[in-house]
Amino acid sequence: MNEPNRDISPDAPHKVQLYLASASPRRRELLESVGLQFAVVSAEIDETRHSGESPDVWVARLATDKARQAAFRLASTNWKKRPVVAADTCVVVDREVFGKPKDPDNAGYMLRRLAGRGHQVLTAVTVMRDRDVFSALSRSTVTMKPLSDEEIERYCRSSEPMDKAGAYAIQGLAGGFVEHLEGSFTGVMGLPMFELRTLLNRVGIDWI
């Protein structure tokens, strides 16, 4: 577990406003970009999709499970009154659901399925404070240009695809693959800021 920053007093809510139940550097960057002060808490859960579980229900369940796990780990500390933020993302093309690729070959398969067509990116975000749990879902449509085998192979040789749902990062090298986005850029990155701000407002936090 990544311990909260012990240099920051738990009695200073203006310094530590929330916990992020994610190791994702993209989610950290988004929180930092709006000036939110947070500590990271690991939340290891079983991310297996249940039989018959729809993609939107799956990501919503994982986001909530991550928030609950992080809150449980914080329950014995003096930090438990801060809200916990968690999120989860998946990519859907036709009826096929992609999380993070298992290896470069799997990443290449995903990109070949996404190339030259549109797909959906679903990101669920959960904010939990004490016993209150608030959740929202961001749904975006991303259209990729046709990709050559060489482009896919070069991209898969980079470190970028391996920890990304759908094997690409819209904010990184793969931004050059995206022809059109309908929805939330930050949602595709993994933390939809409109939905997050709406939920944080419900627990008394804002960054504007």
C-alpha atoms as a PDB file:
ATOM      1  CA  MET A   1       0.000   0.000   0.000  1.00  0.00           C
ATOM      2  CA  ASN A   2       1.186   3.506  -0.797  1.00  0.00           C
ATOM      3  CA  GLU A   3       0.927   5.207   2.559  1.00  0.00           C
ATOM      4  CA  PRO A   4      -0.599   8.692   2.800  1.00  0.00           C
ATOM      5  CA  ASN A   5       1.979  11.457   3.057  1.00  0.00           C
ATOM      6  CA  ARG A   6       2.719  11.554   6.781  1.00  0.00           C
ATOM      7  CA  ASP A   7       4.228  15.021   6.417  1.00  0.00           C
ATOM      8  CA  ILE A   8       0.732  16.401   5.868  1.00  0.00           C
ATOM      9  CA  SER A   9      -1.426  16.707   8.956  1.00  0.00           C
ATOM     10  CA  PRO A  10      -4.786  14.917   8.846  1.00  0.00           C
ATOM     11  CA  ASP A  11      -6.159  18.061  10.464  1.00  0.00           C
ATOM     12  CA  ALA A  12      -5.373  20.126   7.360  1.00  0.00           C
ATOM     13  CA  PRO A  13      -8.165  19.411   4.846  1.00  0.00           C
ATOM     14  CA  HIS A  14      -6.963  22.278   2.659  1.00  0.00           C
ATOM     15  CA  LYS A  15      -3.750  20.288   2.090  1.00  0.00           C
ATOM     16  CA  VAL A  16      -5.021  16.720   1.654  1.00  0.00           C
ATOM     17  CA  GLN A  17      -8.456  16.720   0.105  1.00  0.00           C
ATOM     18  CA  LEU A  18      -8.911  13.146  -1.054  1.00  0.00           C
ATOM     19  CA  TYR A  19      -7.402   9.734  -1.732  1.00  0.00           C
ATOM     20  CA  LEU A  20      -6.896   8.281  -5.187  1.00  0.00           C
ATOM     21  CA  ALA A  21      -7.425   4.514  -5.292  1.00  0.00           C
ATOM     22  CA  SER A  22      -5.313   4.053  -8.410  1.00  0.00           C
ATOM     23  CA  ALA A  23      -1.691   3.682  -9.425  1.00  0.00           C
ATOM     24  CA  SER A  24      -2.414   5.222 -12.836  1.00  0.00           C
ATOM     25  CA  PRO A  25      -0.054   8.098 -13.639  1.00  0.00           C
ATOM     26  CA  ARG A  26      -2.686   9.547 -16.005  1.00  0.00           C
ATOM     27  CA  ARG A  27      -5.212   9.855 -13.194  1.00  0.00           C
ATOM     28  CA  ARG A  28      -2.608  11.431 -10.934  1.00  0.00           C
ATOM     29  CA  GLU A  29      -1.703  13.920 -13.665  1.00  0.00           C
ATOM     30  CA  LEU A  30      -5.340  14.913 -14.144  1.00  0.00           C
ATOM     31  CA  LEU A  31      -5.856  15.547 -10.427  1.00  0.00           C
ATOM     32  CA  GLU A  32      -2.619  17.502 -10.261  1.00  0.00           C
ATOM     33  CA  SER A  33      -3.620  19.570 -13.306  1.00  0.00           C
ATOM     34  CA  VAL A  34      -6.547  21.090 -11.386  1.00  0.00           C
ATOM     35  CA  GLY A  35      -4.603  21.594  -8.159  1.00  0.00           C
ATOM     36  CA  LEU A  36      -6.234  18.900  -6.035  1.00  0.00           C
ATOM     37  CA  GLN A  37      -4.130  17.642  -3.127  1.00  0.00           C
ATOM     38  CA  PHE A  38      -4.334  13.883  -2.766  1.00  0.00           C
ATOM     39  CA  ALA A  39      -2.580  10.764  -1.530  1.00  0.00           C
ATOM     40  CA  VAL A  40      -2.476   7.483  -3.428  1.00  0.00           C
ATOM     41  CA  VAL A  41      -3.783   4.298  -1.819  1.00  0.00           C
ATOM     42  CA  SER A  42      -3.478   0.959  -3.582  1.00  0.00           C
ATOM     43  CA  ALA A  43      -6.653  -1.041  -4.076  1.00  0.00           C
ATOM     44  CA  GLU A  44      -6.014  -4.539  -5.373  1.00  0.00           C
ATOM     45  CA  ILE A  45      -9.216  -6.289  -6.403  1.00  0.00           C
ATOM     46  CA  ASP A  46     -10.289  -9.170  -8.624  1.00  0.00           C
ATOM     47  CA  GLU A  47     -11.030  -7.490 -11.964  1.00  0.00           C
ATOM     48  CA  THR A  48     -12.503 -10.577 -13.626  1.00  0.00           C
ATOM     49  CA  ARG A  49     -15.648  -9.772 -15.576  1.00  0.00           C
ATOM     50  CA  HIS A  50     -18.631 -11.810 -14.426  1.00  0.00           C
ATOM     51  CA  SER A  51     -20.482 -14.013 -16.875  1.00  0.00           C
ATOM     52  CA  GLY A  52     -23.180 -11.985 -18.618  1.00  0.00           C
ATOM     53  CA  GLU A  53     -22.014  -8.725 -17.017  1.00  0.00           C
ATOM     54  CA  SER A  54     -22.414  -5.765 -19.355  1.00  0.00           C
ATOM     55  CA  PRO A  55     -19.365  -3.531 -19.902  1.00  0.00           C
ATOM     56  CA  ASP A  56     -20.920  -0.502 -18.172  1.00  0.00           C
ATOM     57  CA  VAL A  57     -21.936  -2.563 -15.146  1.00  0.00           C
ATOM     58  CA  TRP A  58     -18.471  -4.153 -15.057  1.00  0.00           C
ATOM     59  CA  VAL A  59     -16.510  -0.883 -14.957  1.00  0.00           C
ATOM     60  CA  ALA A  60     -18.968   0.615 -12.458  1.00  0.00           C
ATOM     61  CA  ARG A  61     -18.555  -2.389 -10.171  1.00  0.00           C
ATOM     62  CA  LEU A  62     -14.765  -2.270 -10.385  1.00  0.00           C
ATOM     63  CA  ALA A  63     -14.630   1.459  -9.628  1.00  0.00           C
ATOM     64  CA  THR A  64     -16.835   0.983  -6.571  1.00  0.00           C
ATOM     65  CA  ASP A  65     -14.913  -2.103  -5.419  1.00  0.00           C
ATOM     66  CA  LYS A  66     -11.640  -0.158  -5.665  1.00  0.00           C
ATOM     67  CA  ALA A  67     -13.078   2.698  -3.614  1.00  0.00           C
ATOM     68  CA  ARG A  68     -14.401   0.314  -0.967  1.00  0.00           C
ATOM     69  CA  GLN A  69     -11.084  -1.555  -0.767  1.00  0.00           C
ATOM     70  CA  ALA A  70      -9.129   1.685  -0.349  1.00  0.00           C
ATOM     71  CA  ALA A  71     -11.584   2.923   2.292  1.00  0.00           C
ATOM     72  CA  PHE A  72     -11.225  -0.373   4.149  1.00  0.00           C
ATOM     73  CA  ARG A  73      -7.432  -0.016   4.161  1.00  0.00           C
ATOM     74  CA  LEU A  74      -7.764   3.528   5.500  1.00  0.00           C
ATOM     75  CA  ALA A  75     -10.344   2.659   8.169  1.00  0.00           C
ATOM     76  CA  SER A  76      -7.775   2.128  10.912  1.00  0.00           C
ATOM     77  CA  THR A  77      -6.006   5.450  10.258  1.00  0.00           C
ATOM     78  CA  ASN A  78      -6.757   9.052  11.132  1.00  0.00           C
ATOM     79  CA  TRP A  79      -7.255   9.769   7.440  1.00  0.00           C
ATOM     80  CA  LYS A  80     -10.540   7.967   6.965  1.00  0.00           C
ATOM     81  CA  LYS A  81     -12.703  11.110   6.784  1.00  0.00           C
ATOM     82  CA  ARG A  82     -11.269  12.131   3.417  1.00  0.00           C
ATOM     83  CA  PRO A  83     -13.202  10.997   0.331  1.00  0.00           C
ATOM     84  CA  VAL A  84     -11.801   8.241  -1.879  1.00  0.00           C
ATOM     85  CA  VAL A  85     -11.816   8.500  -5.684  1.00  0.00           C
ATOM     86  CA  ALA A  86     -11.616   5.408  -7.887  1.00  0.00           C
ATOM     87  CA  ALA A  87     -12.155   4.770 -11.578  1.00  0.00           C
ATOM     88  CA  ASP A  88     -12.065   2.006 -14.143  1.00  0.00           C
ATOM     89  CA  THR A  89     -12.015   2.031 -17.942  1.00  0.00           C
ATOM     90  CA  CYS A  90     -12.769  -0.424 -20.711  1.00  0.00           C
ATOM     91  CA  VAL A  91     -12.982  -0.298 -24.507  1.00  0.00           C
ATOM     92  CA  VAL A  92     -15.837  -1.900 -26.454  1.00  0.00           C
ATOM     93  CA  VAL A  93     -15.853  -2.686 -30.164  1.00  0.00           C
ATOM     94  CA  ASP A  94     -18.896  -4.564 -31.442  1.00  0.00           C
ATOM     95  CA  ARG A  95     -19.512  -6.824 -28.439  1.00  0.00           C
ATOM     96  CA  GLU A  96     -15.859  -7.404 -27.624  1.00  0.00           C
ATOM     97  CA  VAL A  97     -14.588  -5.804 -24.423  1.00  0.00           C
ATOM     98  CA  PHE A  98     -10.956  -4.817 -23.969  1.00  0.00           C
ATOM     99  CA  GLY A  99      -9.203  -4.031 -20.736  1.00  0.00           C
ATOM    100  CA  LYS A 100      -5.397  -3.803 -20.522  1.00  0.00           C
ATOM    101  CA  PRO A 101      -3.448  -6.042 -22.930  1.00  0.00           C
ATOM    102  CA  LYS A 102      -1.683  -9.076 -21.515  1.00  0.00           C
ATOM    103  CA  ASP A 103       1.360  -8.753 -23.781  1.00  0.00           C
ATOM    104  CA  PRO A 104       2.469  -6.982 -26.985  1.00  0.00           C
ATOM    105  CA  ASP A 105       0.780  -9.598 -29.189  1.00  0.00           C
ATOM    106  CA  ASN A 106      -2.494  -9.004 -27.377  1.00  0.00           C
ATOM    107  CA  ALA A 107      -2.005  -5.235 -27.757  1.00  0.00           C
ATOM    108  CA  GLY A 108      -1.504  -5.706 -31.485  1.00  0.00           C
ATOM    109  CA  TYR A 109      -4.692  -7.731 -31.710  1.00  0.00           C
ATOM    110  CA  MET A 110      -6.660  -5.005 -29.950  1.00  0.00           C
ATOM    111  CA  LEU A 111      -5.298  -2.269 -32.205  1.00  0.00           C
ATOM    112  CA  ARG A 112      -6.127  -4.261 -35.344  1.00  0.00           C
ATOM    113  CA  ARG A 113      -9.688  -4.597 -34.079  1.00  0.00           C
ATOM    114  CA  LEU A 114      -9.923  -0.851 -33.383  1.00  0.00           C
ATOM    115  CA  ALA A 115      -8.212   0.400 -36.547  1.00  0.00           C
ATOM    116  CA  GLY A 116     -10.319   2.100 -39.187  1.00  0.00           C
ATOM    117  CA  ARG A 117     -13.532   2.210 -37.163  1.00  0.00           C
ATOM    118  CA  GLY A 118     -15.246   3.617 -34.107  1.00  0.00           C
ATOM    119  CA  HIS A 119     -15.333   2.110 -30.645  1.00  0.00           C
ATOM    120  CA  GLN A 120     -16.705   3.042 -27.251  1.00  0.00           C
ATOM    121  CA  VAL A 121     -14.664   3.952 -24.201  1.00  0.00           C
ATOM    122  CA  LEU A 122     -16.467   3.549 -20.893  1.00  0.00           C
ATOM    123  CA  THR A 123     -15.012   5.033 -17.718  1.00  0.00           C
ATOM    124  CA  ALA A 124     -16.791   4.733 -14.394  1.00  0.00           C
ATOM    125  CA  VAL A 125     -15.782   6.976 -11.500  1.00  0.00           C
ATOM    126  CA  THR A 126     -16.773   6.515  -7.857  1.00  0.00           C
ATOM    127  CA  VAL A 127     -16.420   8.926  -4.957  1.00  0.00           C
ATOM    128  CA  MET A 128     -16.851   7.417  -1.501  1.00  0.00           C
ATOM    129  CA  ARG A 129     -16.977   9.327   1.764  1.00  0.00           C
ATOM    130  CA  ASP A 130     -17.831   7.500   4.955  1.00  0.00           C
ATOM    131  CA  ARG A 131     -20.886   5.445   3.949  1.00  0.00           C
ATOM    132  CA  ASP A 132     -21.893   7.650   1.038  1.00  0.00           C
ATOM    133  CA  VAL A 133     -21.056   6.260  -2.404  1.00  0.00           C
ATOM    134  CA  PHE A 134     -21.591   8.336  -5.555  1.00  0.00           C
ATOM    135  CA  SER A 135     -20.874   7.025  -9.051  1.00  0.00           C
ATOM    136  CA  ALA A 136     -21.078   8.206 -12.653  1.00  0.00           C
ATOM    137  CA  LEU A 137     -20.292   6.784 -16.076  1.00  0.00           C
ATOM    138  CA  SER A 138     -18.569   8.535 -18.979  1.00  0.00           C
ATOM    139  CA  ARG A 139     -19.295   7.102 -22.423  1.00  0.00           C
ATOM    140  CA  SER A 140     -17.233   8.283 -25.414  1.00  0.00           C
ATOM    141  CA  THR A 141     -16.877   7.204 -29.039  1.00  0.00           C
ATOM    142  CA  VAL A 142     -13.390   7.206 -30.559  1.00  0.00           C
ATOM    143  CA  THR A 143     -12.735   6.687 -34.275  1.00  0.00           C
ATOM    144  CA  MET A 144      -9.284   5.516 -35.312  1.00  0.00           C
ATOM    145  CA  LYS A 145      -7.775   5.825 -38.753  1.00  0.00           C
ATOM    146  CA  PRO A 146      -6.811   2.635 -40.605  1.00  0.00           C
ATOM    147  CA  LEU A 147      -3.471   1.415 -39.258  1.00  0.00           C
ATOM    148  CA  SER A 148      -0.783  -0.454 -41.151  1.00  0.00           C
ATOM    149  CA  ASP A 149       0.889  -3.490 -39.641  1.00  0.00           C
ATOM    150  CA  GLU A 150       4.085  -1.446 -39.459  1.00  0.00           C
ATOM    151  CA  GLU A 151       2.387   1.341 -37.472  1.00  0.00           C
ATOM    152  CA  ILE A 152       0.912  -1.179 -35.053  1.00  0.00           C
ATOM    153  CA  GLU A 153       4.206  -3.009 -34.630  1.00  0.00           C
ATOM    154  CA  ARG A 154       6.125   0.216 -34.023  1.00  0.00           C
ATOM    155  CA  TYR A 155       3.553   1.389 -31.495  1.00  0.00           C
ATOM    156  CA  CYS A 156       3.561  -1.940 -29.679  1.00  0.00           C
ATOM    157  CA  ARG A 157       7.359  -1.731 -29.370  1.00  0.00           C
ATOM    158  CA  SER A 158       6.906   1.419 -27.310  1.00  0.00           C
ATOM    159  CA  SER A 159       6.001   1.153 -23.640  1.00  0.00           C
ATOM    160  CA  GLU A 160       2.748   3.044 -24.148  1.00  0.00           C
ATOM    161  CA  PRO A 161       0.096   0.383 -24.907  1.00  0.00           C
ATOM    162  CA  MET A 162       0.743  -2.090 -22.124  1.00  0.00           C
ATOM    163  CA  ASP A 163      -1.089  -0.527 -19.176  1.00  0.00           C
ATOM    164  CA  LYS A 164      -3.917   1.092 -21.151  1.00  0.00           C
ATOM    165  CA  ALA A 165      -7.442  -0.183 -21.725  1.00  0.00           C
ATOM    166  CA  GLY A 166      -7.706  -0.941 -25.428  1.00  0.00           C
ATOM    167  CA  ALA A 167      -3.892  -0.790 -25.757  1.00  0.00           C
ATOM    168  CA  TYR A 168      -3.613   2.897 -26.572  1.00  0.00           C
ATOM    169  CA  ALA A 169      -3.222   6.309 -24.937  1.00  0.00           C
ATOM    170  CA  ILE A 170      -5.158   9.105 -26.612  1.00  0.00           C
ATOM    171  CA  GLN A 171      -2.960  11.680 -24.834  1.00  0.00           C
ATOM    172  CA  GLY A 172       0.244  10.024 -26.048  1.00  0.00           C
ATOM    173  CA  LEU A 173       1.678   8.655 -29.259  1.00  0.00           C
ATOM    174  CA  ALA A 174      -1.657   7.117 -30.235  1.00  0.00           C
ATOM    175  CA  GLY A 175      -3.249  10.558 -30.376  1.00  0.00           C
ATOM    176  CA  GLY A 176      -1.979  10.501 -33.959  1.00  0.00           C
ATOM    177  CA  PHE A 177      -4.240   7.533 -34.672  1.00  0.00           C
ATOM    178  CA  VAL A 178      -7.462   9.224 -33.561  1.00  0.00           C
ATOM    179  CA  GLU A 179      -9.550  10.800 -36.320  1.00  0.00           C
ATOM    180  CA  HIS A 180     -12.540  11.779 -34.215  1.00  0.00           C
ATOM    181  CA  LEU A 181     -13.665  11.871 -30.599  1.00  0.00           C
ATOM    182  CA  GLU A 182     -17.243  12.262 -29.465  1.00  0.00           C
ATOM    183  CA  GLY A 183     -17.409  12.557 -25.710  1.00  0.00           C
ATOM    184  CA  SER A 184     -14.823  13.144 -22.996  1.00  0.00           C
ATOM    185  CA  PHE A 185     -11.093  13.351 -23.703  1.00  0.00           C
ATOM    186  CA  THR A 186     -10.320  12.937 -19.992  1.00  0.00           C
ATOM    187  CA  GLY A 187     -12.793  10.066 -19.829  1.00  0.00           C
ATOM    188  CA  VAL A 188     -10.818   8.280 -22.535  1.00  0.00           C
ATOM    189  CA  MET A 189      -7.654   9.025 -20.551  1.00  0.00           C
ATOM    190  CA  GLY A 190      -9.226   7.247 -17.575  1.00  0.00           C
ATOM    191  CA  LEU A 191     -10.720   9.905 -15.295  1.00  0.00           C
ATOM    192  CA  PRO A 192     -13.641  11.980 -16.655  1.00  0.00           C
ATOM    193  CA  MET A 193     -13.218  15.384 -15.081  1.00  0.00           C
ATOM    194  CA  PHE A 194     -16.771  16.638 -15.631  1.00  0.00           C
ATOM    195  CA  GLU A 195     -18.244  13.615 -13.866  1.00  0.00           C
ATOM    196  CA  LEU A 196     -15.561  13.735 -11.178  1.00  0.00           C
ATOM    197  CA  ARG A 197     -16.207  17.388 -10.380  1.00  0.00           C
ATOM    198  CA  THR A 198     -19.956  16.733 -10.192  1.00  0.00           C
ATOM    199  CA  LEU A 199     -19.403  13.913  -7.693  1.00  0.00           C
ATOM    200  CA  LEU A 200     -16.838  15.797  -5.631  1.00  0.00           C
ATOM    201  CA  ASN A 201     -19.244  18.728  -5.360  1.00  0.00           C
ATOM    202  CA  ARG A 202     -21.590  16.347  -3.535  1.00  0.00           C
ATOM    203  CA  VAL A 203     -18.977  15.847  -0.808  1.00  0.00           C
ATOM    204  CA  GLY A 204     -18.005  19.499  -0.582  1.00  0.00           C
ATOM    205  CA  ILE A 205     -14.898  19.592  -2.797  1.00  0.00           C
ATOM    206  CA  ASP A 206     -14.332  21.788  -5.841  1.00  0.00           C
ATOM    207  CA  TRP A 207     -11.280  22.958  -7.766  1.00  0.00           C
ATOM    208  CA  ILE A 208     -12.768  26.086  -9.334  1.00  0.00           C
END
